[in-house]
Structure formats: structure tokens, C-alpha cells
Amino acid sequence: MSNRDISRRSFLQGGLVAGVSVTLTPLSSQALAALMENSVTVPSEQWLGNNGQARARNDALSKVCGSKVFARDIRAKDMPGWPQQQGHAMLLKTIKADHIFAGIDLAWLGADLQPDRIVTADDLVKDGIVFPEEHAPDPLLPAGKVPMFIGHPVAILIWNDFER
């Protein structure tokens, strides 16, 4: 198969397996421009030292005050023409690599904080998602196996809202 024959889906699956995220943004994006207008502006004397090195992060004050989560806190609702609602995902990983993975129990979250969808290794098999042999085995660790490394992903937790 030549590079021209690769599908968008295959490209994205390969990127997921490799742990690579690609974002394509046109340089003249109105959405990105609108975000930059609302970004945190910090006078240079507050964060830049006399030696030309940063004294603090450019978003430090806004993070401490609770107005920002990340240096670029970009959400769909902040961009013109994008939906007001968006989903959010969390990759759940192992913290030990010397025990058999027995599954996950999210009961401690309580009923109000449960994810709307949990994607596991069984779901990948059921949906016929196959990863290239070079990335085998187990992009999501199935129950009953020992992780290959600390931080081996076991599930993707998906919420339909940001607040939960």
C-alpha cells in the first residue's frame, strides 16, 4: 500500500497507536484568532526576568485565580460556530506493572460522576478495531493480563459534559 492509499481512519488509528496527536489548523482560522483575542495577556515585566528567562508561566496568575485550566484552555463553546456541548475523555492507566489486571471499579465516583461511556479492550475487539502488529500487544490492557509497563492504558472514560 502506498502512502496515497492510506485512509483518514487508518492515519488516525496509526496516530492513536503511536501516541501521537496531530492538529490541523489553518493559519487564517477565525476560531483561533477569536481565541487569541480572549487569551490571557500578562505584561512582560510580570513574568520575564532581567536575564531574559521566564520567572513564571505566562498563565500562572490566571491559573491560581481559577480562570484558566491550561495555558491554552480551548473548548468548543469558546470558538465561533462550534457546538456549545462537547465530550471529554480520560485515559485510565495502570499504576503497577507486577499484578494481573482484574478490571476497573468506578463505584467510588458515585452515581453523579460516572462516565457516559467506558471503552475497554473488549470494546476494541467487539468493534473490530485492529492495531498494527508493530504496536501489539494490547493498546488497552484486557482484564486477566499483566501490564507490560507502568502506565499501560486500560480504558478510555468518556463524559458528555465538562463539569463531571
N, C-alpha and C. Protein backbone atom coordinates (compact mmCIF):
# COMPACT_ATOMS: atom_id res chain seq x y z
N MET A 1 0.84 -1.18 0.00
CA MET A 1 0.00 0.00 0.00
C MET A 1 0.89 1.24 0.00
N SER A 2 0.65 2.17 -0.91
CA SER A 2 1.42 3.40 -0.95
C SER A 2 0.82 4.39 0.04
N ASN A 3 1.56 5.47 0.30
CA ASN A 3 1.07 6.49 1.22
C ASN A 3 -0.21 7.15 0.71
N ARG A 4 -0.39 7.15 -0.61
CA ARG A 4 -1.59 7.78 -1.18
C ARG A 4 -2.84 6.95 -0.95
N ASP A 5 -2.67 5.65 -0.67
CA ASP A 5 -3.80 4.76 -0.48
C ASP A 5 -4.28 4.71 0.97
N ILE A 6 -3.60 5.39 1.87
CA ILE A 6 -3.97 5.32 3.28
C ILE A 6 -5.24 6.15 3.53
N SER A 7 -6.15 5.60 4.27
CA SER A 7 -7.39 6.31 4.57
C SER A 7 -7.20 7.22 5.76
N ARG A 8 -8.10 8.17 5.92
CA ARG A 8 -8.05 9.07 7.07
C ARG A 8 -8.18 8.27 8.36
N ARG A 9 -9.08 7.27 8.35
CA ARG A 9 -9.29 6.43 9.53
C ARG A 9 -8.00 5.69 9.90
N SER A 10 -7.33 5.11 8.89
CA SER A 10 -6.07 4.38 9.14
C SER A 10 -5.00 5.32 9.70
N PHE A 11 -4.95 6.53 9.15
CA PHE A 11 -3.99 7.52 9.62
C PHE A 11 -4.24 7.86 11.09
N LEU A 12 -5.51 8.11 11.44
CA LEU A 12 -5.84 8.45 12.82
C LEU A 12 -5.60 7.28 13.78
N GLN A 13 -5.93 6.05 13.33
CA GLN A 13 -5.68 4.89 14.18
C GLN A 13 -4.18 4.71 14.40
N GLY A 14 -3.40 4.89 13.36
CA GLY A 14 -1.94 4.78 13.49
C GLY A 14 -1.39 5.82 14.44
N GLY A 15 -1.93 7.04 14.36
CA GLY A 15 -1.50 8.10 15.28
C GLY A 15 -1.87 7.79 16.70
N LEU A 16 -3.06 7.22 16.92
CA LEU A 16 -3.50 6.84 18.26
C LEU A 16 -2.58 5.78 18.84
N VAL A 17 -2.25 4.79 18.03
CA VAL A 17 -1.38 3.71 18.49
C VAL A 17 0.01 4.24 18.82
N ALA A 18 0.50 5.15 18.00
CA ALA A 18 1.84 5.69 18.21
C ALA A 18 1.87 6.70 19.35
N GLY A 19 0.71 7.08 19.84
CA GLY A 19 0.65 8.08 20.91
C GLY A 19 0.89 9.48 20.40
N VAL A 20 0.60 9.70 19.13
CA VAL A 20 0.84 10.98 18.50
C VAL A 20 -0.50 11.65 18.22
N SER A 21 -0.58 12.91 18.52
CA SER A 21 -1.78 13.66 18.22
C SER A 21 -1.44 14.71 17.19
N VAL A 22 -2.23 14.82 16.15
CA VAL A 22 -1.99 15.79 15.10
C VAL A 22 -3.18 16.73 15.05
N THR A 23 -2.89 18.02 15.04
CA THR A 23 -3.94 19.02 14.92
C THR A 23 -3.67 19.84 13.68
N LEU A 24 -4.64 19.92 12.81
CA LEU A 24 -4.52 20.73 11.61
C LEU A 24 -5.34 21.98 11.80
N THR A 25 -4.69 23.13 11.76
CA THR A 25 -5.37 24.40 11.92
C THR A 25 -4.91 25.35 10.82
N PRO A 26 -5.84 25.86 10.03
CA PRO A 26 -5.43 26.84 9.01
C PRO A 26 -4.84 28.07 9.68
N LEU A 27 -3.84 28.67 9.05
CA LEU A 27 -3.19 29.83 9.64
C LEU A 27 -4.16 31.00 9.78
N SER A 28 -5.16 31.07 8.92
CA SER A 28 -6.09 32.19 8.97
C SER A 28 -7.39 31.82 9.67
N SER A 29 -7.35 30.86 10.58
CA SER A 29 -8.54 30.38 11.25
C SER A 29 -9.19 31.49 12.08
N GLN A 30 -10.46 31.77 11.79
CA GLN A 30 -11.19 32.78 12.56
C GLN A 30 -11.39 32.31 14.00
N ALA A 31 -11.60 31.00 14.17
CA ALA A 31 -11.80 30.46 15.52
C ALA A 31 -10.55 30.66 16.36
N LEU A 32 -9.38 30.34 15.79
CA LEU A 32 -8.13 30.50 16.54
C LEU A 32 -7.86 31.97 16.82
N ALA A 33 -8.16 32.83 15.86
CA ALA A 33 -7.96 34.26 16.07
C ALA A 33 -8.86 34.76 17.19
N ALA A 34 -10.11 34.28 17.23
CA ALA A 34 -11.03 34.69 18.29
C ALA A 34 -10.52 34.24 19.65
N LEU A 35 -9.92 33.05 19.71
CA LEU A 35 -9.37 32.56 20.97
C LEU A 35 -8.20 33.41 21.43
N MET A 36 -7.34 33.81 20.50
CA MET A 36 -6.17 34.60 20.87
C MET A 36 -6.57 35.98 21.39
N GLU A 37 -7.69 36.52 20.88
CA GLU A 37 -8.15 37.81 21.38
C GLU A 37 -8.54 37.71 22.84
N ASN A 38 -9.06 36.54 23.25
CA ASN A 38 -9.50 36.35 24.63
C ASN A 38 -8.44 35.73 25.52
N SER A 39 -7.25 35.48 24.99
CA SER A 39 -6.24 34.81 25.79
C SER A 39 -5.69 35.75 26.86
N VAL A 40 -5.03 35.17 27.82
CA VAL A 40 -4.50 35.94 28.94
C VAL A 40 -3.33 36.78 28.46
N THR A 41 -3.38 38.07 28.75
CA THR A 41 -2.28 38.95 28.41
C THR A 41 -1.59 39.35 29.71
N VAL A 42 -0.33 39.00 29.80
CA VAL A 42 0.43 39.31 31.01
C VAL A 42 1.54 40.26 30.62
N PRO A 43 1.63 41.43 31.24
CA PRO A 43 2.73 42.35 30.94
C PRO A 43 4.07 41.67 31.12
N SER A 44 5.00 41.94 30.22
CA SER A 44 6.27 41.22 30.21
C SER A 44 7.04 41.35 31.52
N GLU A 45 6.92 42.51 32.21
CA GLU A 45 7.68 42.68 33.45
C GLU A 45 7.19 41.76 34.57
N GLN A 46 5.99 41.20 34.44
CA GLN A 46 5.49 40.32 35.48
C GLN A 46 6.08 38.91 35.37
N TRP A 47 6.32 38.41 34.19
CA TRP A 47 6.77 37.04 34.06
C TRP A 47 8.18 36.90 33.49
N LEU A 48 8.69 37.93 32.84
CA LEU A 48 10.01 37.84 32.21
C LEU A 48 11.06 38.49 33.11
N GLY A 49 12.08 37.71 33.45
CA GLY A 49 13.16 38.23 34.29
C GLY A 49 14.14 39.09 33.52
N ASN A 50 15.04 39.79 34.24
CA ASN A 50 16.04 40.65 33.60
C ASN A 50 17.01 39.87 32.73
N ASN A 51 17.18 38.60 33.05
CA ASN A 51 18.12 37.76 32.29
C ASN A 51 17.49 37.16 31.04
N GLY A 52 16.24 37.53 30.75
CA GLY A 52 15.56 37.01 29.56
C GLY A 52 14.89 35.67 29.76
N GLN A 53 14.99 35.12 30.97
CA GLN A 53 14.33 33.84 31.25
C GLN A 53 13.04 34.09 32.01
N ALA A 54 12.09 33.20 31.81
CA ALA A 54 10.78 33.35 32.45
C ALA A 54 10.89 33.16 33.96
N ARG A 55 10.26 34.04 34.72
CA ARG A 55 10.15 33.89 36.16
C ARG A 55 9.01 32.96 36.52
N ALA A 56 7.97 32.99 35.72
CA ALA A 56 6.78 32.17 35.97
C ALA A 56 6.12 31.86 34.62
N ARG A 57 5.20 30.94 34.65
CA ARG A 57 4.44 30.61 33.44
C ARG A 57 3.60 31.82 33.03
N ASN A 58 3.36 31.95 31.71
CA ASN A 58 2.58 33.10 31.27
C ASN A 58 1.12 33.01 31.69
N ASP A 59 0.67 31.83 32.13
CA ASP A 59 -0.72 31.68 32.57
C ASP A 59 -0.81 31.46 34.08
N ALA A 60 0.29 31.67 34.81
CA ALA A 60 0.33 31.33 36.24
C ALA A 60 -0.72 32.09 37.05
N LEU A 61 -0.81 33.38 36.87
CA LEU A 61 -1.75 34.18 37.66
C LEU A 61 -3.19 33.76 37.38
N SER A 62 -3.53 33.58 36.11
CA SER A 62 -4.91 33.19 35.79
C SER A 62 -5.23 31.78 36.28
N LYS A 63 -4.24 30.89 36.32
CA LYS A 63 -4.49 29.54 36.85
C LYS A 63 -4.74 29.59 38.36
N VAL A 64 -3.92 30.36 39.07
CA VAL A 64 -4.06 30.46 40.52
C VAL A 64 -5.41 31.09 40.88
N CYS A 65 -5.85 32.03 40.07
CA CYS A 65 -7.13 32.71 40.32
C CYS A 65 -8.33 31.91 39.82
N GLY A 66 -8.07 30.79 39.17
CA GLY A 66 -9.16 29.91 38.76
C GLY A 66 -9.79 30.21 37.42
N SER A 67 -9.22 31.11 36.63
CA SER A 67 -9.85 31.42 35.36
C SER A 67 -9.33 30.57 34.21
N LYS A 68 -8.23 29.88 34.37
CA LYS A 68 -7.68 29.04 33.32
C LYS A 68 -7.31 27.68 33.87
N VAL A 69 -7.43 26.67 33.01
CA VAL A 69 -7.02 25.33 33.38
C VAL A 69 -5.67 25.02 32.75
N PHE A 70 -5.48 25.42 31.51
CA PHE A 70 -4.24 25.19 30.78
C PHE A 70 -3.79 26.51 30.16
N ALA A 71 -2.55 26.54 29.66
CA ALA A 71 -2.04 27.75 29.01
C ALA A 71 -2.96 28.15 27.86
N ARG A 72 -3.47 27.18 27.14
CA ARG A 72 -4.43 27.41 26.08
C ARG A 72 -5.66 26.58 26.39
N ASP A 73 -6.57 27.14 27.14
CA ASP A 73 -7.79 26.45 27.56
C ASP A 73 -8.82 26.57 26.44
N ILE A 74 -8.75 25.69 25.47
CA ILE A 74 -9.60 25.77 24.29
C ILE A 74 -10.73 24.77 24.40
N ARG A 75 -11.94 25.26 24.32
CA ARG A 75 -13.13 24.41 24.32
C ARG A 75 -14.00 24.81 23.14
N ALA A 76 -14.82 23.88 22.67
CA ALA A 76 -15.67 24.14 21.51
C ALA A 76 -16.55 25.36 21.72
N LYS A 77 -17.10 25.53 22.91
CA LYS A 77 -18.02 26.64 23.17
C LYS A 77 -17.35 28.01 23.06
N ASP A 78 -16.00 28.03 23.14
CA ASP A 78 -15.27 29.29 23.04
C ASP A 78 -15.01 29.71 21.60
N MET A 79 -15.31 28.84 20.65
CA MET A 79 -14.99 29.12 19.26
C MET A 79 -16.26 29.43 18.47
N PRO A 80 -16.25 30.51 17.72
CA PRO A 80 -17.42 30.88 16.93
C PRO A 80 -17.82 29.76 15.97
N GLY A 81 -19.12 29.44 15.96
CA GLY A 81 -19.63 28.44 15.04
C GLY A 81 -19.50 27.01 15.51
N TRP A 82 -18.92 26.78 16.67
CA TRP A 82 -18.76 25.41 17.18
C TRP A 82 -19.89 25.11 18.16
N PRO A 83 -20.18 23.83 18.40
CA PRO A 83 -21.26 23.48 19.32
C PRO A 83 -20.98 23.95 20.75
N GLN A 84 -22.04 24.20 21.50
CA GLN A 84 -21.90 24.59 22.89
C GLN A 84 -21.59 23.40 23.79
N GLN A 85 -21.88 22.20 23.32
CA GLN A 85 -21.69 20.98 24.09
C GLN A 85 -20.56 20.16 23.46
N GLN A 86 -19.69 19.58 24.27
CA GLN A 86 -18.65 18.69 23.74
C GLN A 86 -18.35 17.62 24.77
N GLY A 87 -17.84 16.50 24.30
CA GLY A 87 -17.45 15.41 25.18
C GLY A 87 -16.02 15.59 25.65
N HIS A 88 -15.68 14.89 26.72
CA HIS A 88 -14.34 14.93 27.29
C HIS A 88 -13.93 13.51 27.67
N ALA A 89 -12.68 13.17 27.44
CA ALA A 89 -12.22 11.81 27.69
C ALA A 89 -11.01 11.80 28.61
N MET A 90 -10.85 10.70 29.31
CA MET A 90 -9.71 10.50 30.19
C MET A 90 -9.17 9.09 29.93
N LEU A 91 -7.87 8.99 29.78
CA LEU A 91 -7.23 7.70 29.58
C LEU A 91 -6.86 7.15 30.95
N LEU A 92 -7.43 6.01 31.30
CA LEU A 92 -7.18 5.38 32.60
C LEU A 92 -6.00 4.43 32.44
N LYS A 93 -4.98 4.57 33.30
CA LYS A 93 -3.75 3.79 33.17
C LYS A 93 -3.44 3.02 34.45
N THR A 94 -2.63 1.98 34.31
CA THR A 94 -2.22 1.19 35.47
C THR A 94 -1.18 1.96 36.28
N ILE A 95 -1.11 1.63 37.57
CA ILE A 95 -0.07 2.24 38.41
C ILE A 95 0.95 1.19 38.86
N LYS A 96 0.70 -0.07 38.49
CA LYS A 96 1.63 -1.15 38.81
C LYS A 96 1.79 -2.03 37.58
N ALA A 97 2.96 -2.62 37.44
CA ALA A 97 3.22 -3.50 36.30
C ALA A 97 3.59 -4.91 36.76
N ASP A 98 3.26 -5.25 38.01
CA ASP A 98 3.61 -6.57 38.52
C ASP A 98 2.39 -7.33 39.06
N HIS A 99 1.20 -6.89 38.70
CA HIS A 99 -0.03 -7.55 39.14
C HIS A 99 -0.91 -7.85 37.92
N ILE A 100 -1.74 -8.85 38.04
CA ILE A 100 -2.71 -9.14 36.99
C ILE A 100 -3.80 -8.08 37.06
N PHE A 101 -4.14 -7.51 35.91
CA PHE A 101 -5.20 -6.51 35.85
C PHE A 101 -6.54 -7.22 35.94
N ALA A 102 -7.32 -6.88 36.98
CA ALA A 102 -8.58 -7.58 37.24
C ALA A 102 -9.80 -6.81 36.73
N GLY A 103 -9.61 -5.62 36.18
CA GLY A 103 -10.72 -4.82 35.71
C GLY A 103 -10.79 -3.51 36.48
N ILE A 104 -11.78 -2.70 36.15
CA ILE A 104 -11.91 -1.41 36.82
C ILE A 104 -13.22 -1.33 37.61
N ASP A 105 -13.17 -0.60 38.69
CA ASP A 105 -14.35 -0.38 39.52
C ASP A 105 -14.44 1.11 39.79
N LEU A 106 -15.41 1.75 39.18
CA LEU A 106 -15.57 3.19 39.33
C LEU A 106 -16.69 3.56 40.31
N ALA A 107 -17.11 2.60 41.14
CA ALA A 107 -18.19 2.85 42.09
C ALA A 107 -17.85 3.99 43.04
N TRP A 108 -16.58 4.18 43.35
CA TRP A 108 -16.16 5.23 44.27
C TRP A 108 -16.46 6.62 43.73
N LEU A 109 -16.71 6.75 42.41
CA LEU A 109 -17.07 8.04 41.84
C LEU A 109 -18.48 8.47 42.23
N GLY A 110 -19.32 7.51 42.58
CA GLY A 110 -20.71 7.82 42.87
C GLY A 110 -21.52 7.91 41.58
N ALA A 111 -22.81 7.88 41.71
CA ALA A 111 -23.70 7.86 40.54
C ALA A 111 -23.61 9.13 39.71
N ASP A 112 -23.40 10.28 40.35
CA ASP A 112 -23.40 11.55 39.64
C ASP A 112 -22.16 11.78 38.77
N LEU A 113 -21.05 11.10 39.06
CA LEU A 113 -19.81 11.35 38.34
C LEU A 113 -19.40 10.24 37.38
N GLN A 114 -20.23 9.23 37.22
CA GLN A 114 -19.90 8.12 36.35
C GLN A 114 -19.74 8.59 34.90
N PRO A 115 -18.78 8.03 34.17
CA PRO A 115 -18.65 8.39 32.76
C PRO A 115 -19.86 7.90 31.96
N ASP A 116 -20.12 8.59 30.86
CA ASP A 116 -21.23 8.19 29.99
C ASP A 116 -20.87 6.98 29.15
N ARG A 117 -19.58 6.77 28.91
CA ARG A 117 -19.12 5.62 28.12
C ARG A 117 -17.76 5.19 28.62
N ILE A 118 -17.54 3.91 28.70
CA ILE A 118 -16.24 3.35 29.07
C ILE A 118 -15.80 2.44 27.92
N VAL A 119 -14.64 2.73 27.34
CA VAL A 119 -14.10 1.93 26.25
C VAL A 119 -12.99 1.06 26.82
N THR A 120 -13.12 -0.25 26.65
CA THR A 120 -12.12 -1.20 27.15
C THR A 120 -11.56 -2.03 26.00
N ALA A 121 -10.63 -2.91 26.31
CA ALA A 121 -10.05 -3.80 25.31
C ALA A 121 -11.14 -4.67 24.68
N ASP A 122 -12.11 -5.10 25.47
CA ASP A 122 -13.21 -5.90 24.93
C ASP A 122 -14.00 -5.13 23.88
N ASP A 123 -14.18 -3.83 24.09
CA ASP A 123 -14.89 -3.00 23.11
C ASP A 123 -14.12 -2.90 21.81
N LEU A 124 -12.79 -2.80 21.89
CA LEU A 124 -11.98 -2.74 20.68
C LEU A 124 -12.15 -4.02 19.87
N VAL A 125 -12.13 -5.16 20.56
CA VAL A 125 -12.31 -6.45 19.88
C VAL A 125 -13.70 -6.54 19.28
N LYS A 126 -14.71 -6.17 20.08
CA LYS A 126 -16.10 -6.25 19.64
C LYS A 126 -16.35 -5.37 18.42
N ASP A 127 -15.71 -4.19 18.36
CA ASP A 127 -15.90 -3.26 17.25
C ASP A 127 -14.97 -3.53 16.09
N GLY A 128 -14.12 -4.55 16.21
CA GLY A 128 -13.24 -4.94 15.11
C GLY A 128 -12.09 -3.97 14.88
N ILE A 129 -11.69 -3.24 15.91
CA ILE A 129 -10.56 -2.32 15.77
C ILE A 129 -9.27 -3.10 15.99
N VAL A 130 -8.48 -3.18 14.94
CA VAL A 130 -7.24 -3.95 14.97
C VAL A 130 -6.07 -2.99 14.81
N PHE A 131 -5.08 -3.15 15.65
CA PHE A 131 -3.90 -2.30 15.59
C PHE A 131 -2.79 -3.04 14.86
N PRO A 132 -1.88 -2.31 14.22
CA PRO A 132 -0.78 -2.95 13.50
C PRO A 132 0.06 -3.82 14.43
N GLU A 133 0.63 -4.86 13.89
CA GLU A 133 1.43 -5.82 14.65
C GLU A 133 2.58 -5.14 15.39
N GLU A 134 3.13 -4.08 14.78
CA GLU A 134 4.26 -3.38 15.42
C GLU A 134 3.86 -2.76 16.75
N HIS A 135 2.57 -2.49 16.93
CA HIS A 135 2.09 -1.85 18.15
C HIS A 135 1.43 -2.85 19.10
N ALA A 136 1.55 -4.10 18.79
CA ALA A 136 0.95 -5.14 19.64
C ALA A 136 1.85 -5.36 20.84
N PRO A 137 1.43 -5.95 21.86
CA PRO A 137 0.04 -6.32 22.09
C PRO A 137 -0.67 -5.27 22.94
N ASP A 138 -1.94 -5.30 22.88
CA ASP A 138 -2.84 -4.62 23.83
C ASP A 138 -2.69 -3.11 23.95
N PRO A 139 -3.25 -2.34 22.99
CA PRO A 139 -3.27 -0.90 23.17
C PRO A 139 -4.07 -0.52 24.42
N LEU A 140 -5.13 -1.27 24.73
CA LEU A 140 -5.82 -1.18 26.02
C LEU A 140 -5.70 -2.56 26.65
N LEU A 141 -5.16 -2.63 27.84
CA LEU A 141 -4.89 -3.90 28.51
C LEU A 141 -6.18 -4.63 28.86
N PRO A 142 -6.35 -5.88 28.39
CA PRO A 142 -7.54 -6.65 28.77
C PRO A 142 -7.41 -7.18 30.20
N ALA A 143 -8.56 -7.37 30.84
CA ALA A 143 -8.57 -7.97 32.18
C ALA A 143 -7.95 -9.36 32.10
N GLY A 144 -7.21 -9.73 33.16
CA GLY A 144 -6.58 -11.05 33.21
C GLY A 144 -5.14 -11.07 32.73
N LYS A 145 -4.63 -9.93 32.27
CA LYS A 145 -3.24 -9.86 31.81
C LYS A 145 -2.42 -8.96 32.72
N VAL A 146 -1.11 -9.13 32.68
CA VAL A 146 -0.18 -8.28 33.43
C VAL A 146 0.26 -7.15 32.51
N PRO A 147 0.24 -5.91 32.99
CA PRO A 147 0.68 -4.78 32.16
C PRO A 147 2.13 -4.95 31.74
N MET A 148 2.45 -4.45 30.55
CA MET A 148 3.83 -4.50 30.07
C MET A 148 4.68 -3.41 30.70
N PHE A 149 4.02 -2.34 31.22
CA PHE A 149 4.75 -1.22 31.79
C PHE A 149 3.82 -0.44 32.72
N ILE A 150 4.40 0.34 33.62
CA ILE A 150 3.61 1.21 34.47
C ILE A 150 2.99 2.28 33.57
N GLY A 151 1.71 2.48 33.71
CA GLY A 151 1.02 3.45 32.86
C GLY A 151 0.37 2.83 31.64
N HIS A 152 0.34 1.49 31.58
CA HIS A 152 -0.30 0.81 30.45
C HIS A 152 -1.79 1.20 30.45
N PRO A 153 -2.33 1.75 29.35
CA PRO A 153 -3.75 2.14 29.32
C PRO A 153 -4.67 0.94 29.47
N VAL A 154 -5.74 1.11 30.25
CA VAL A 154 -6.71 0.03 30.44
C VAL A 154 -8.11 0.42 29.96
N ALA A 155 -8.40 1.71 29.91
CA ALA A 155 -9.74 2.13 29.48
C ALA A 155 -9.71 3.61 29.09
N ILE A 156 -10.69 3.98 28.29
CA ILE A 156 -10.93 5.38 27.95
C ILE A 156 -12.29 5.72 28.55
N LEU A 157 -12.31 6.69 29.45
CA LEU A 157 -13.55 7.12 30.09
C LEU A 157 -14.04 8.37 29.36
N ILE A 158 -15.30 8.38 28.97
CA ILE A 158 -15.85 9.50 28.19
C ILE A 158 -17.06 10.10 28.91
N TRP A 159 -17.02 11.41 29.10
CA TRP A 159 -18.14 12.14 29.67
C TRP A 159 -18.69 13.07 28.59
N ASN A 160 -20.00 13.26 28.57
CA ASN A 160 -20.62 14.14 27.59
C ASN A 160 -20.63 15.60 28.01
N ASP A 161 -20.13 15.90 29.20
CA ASP A 161 -20.04 17.28 29.65
C ASP A 161 -18.74 17.50 30.41
N PHE A 162 -18.31 18.75 30.48
CA PHE A 162 -17.04 19.07 31.11
C PHE A 162 -17.12 19.06 32.63
N GLU A 163 -18.27 19.46 33.17
CA GLU A 163 -18.40 19.63 34.62
C GLU A 163 -18.16 18.34 35.41
N ARG A 164 -18.67 17.23 34.92
CA ARG A 164 -18.46 15.97 35.63
C ARG A 164 -17.04 15.50 35.46
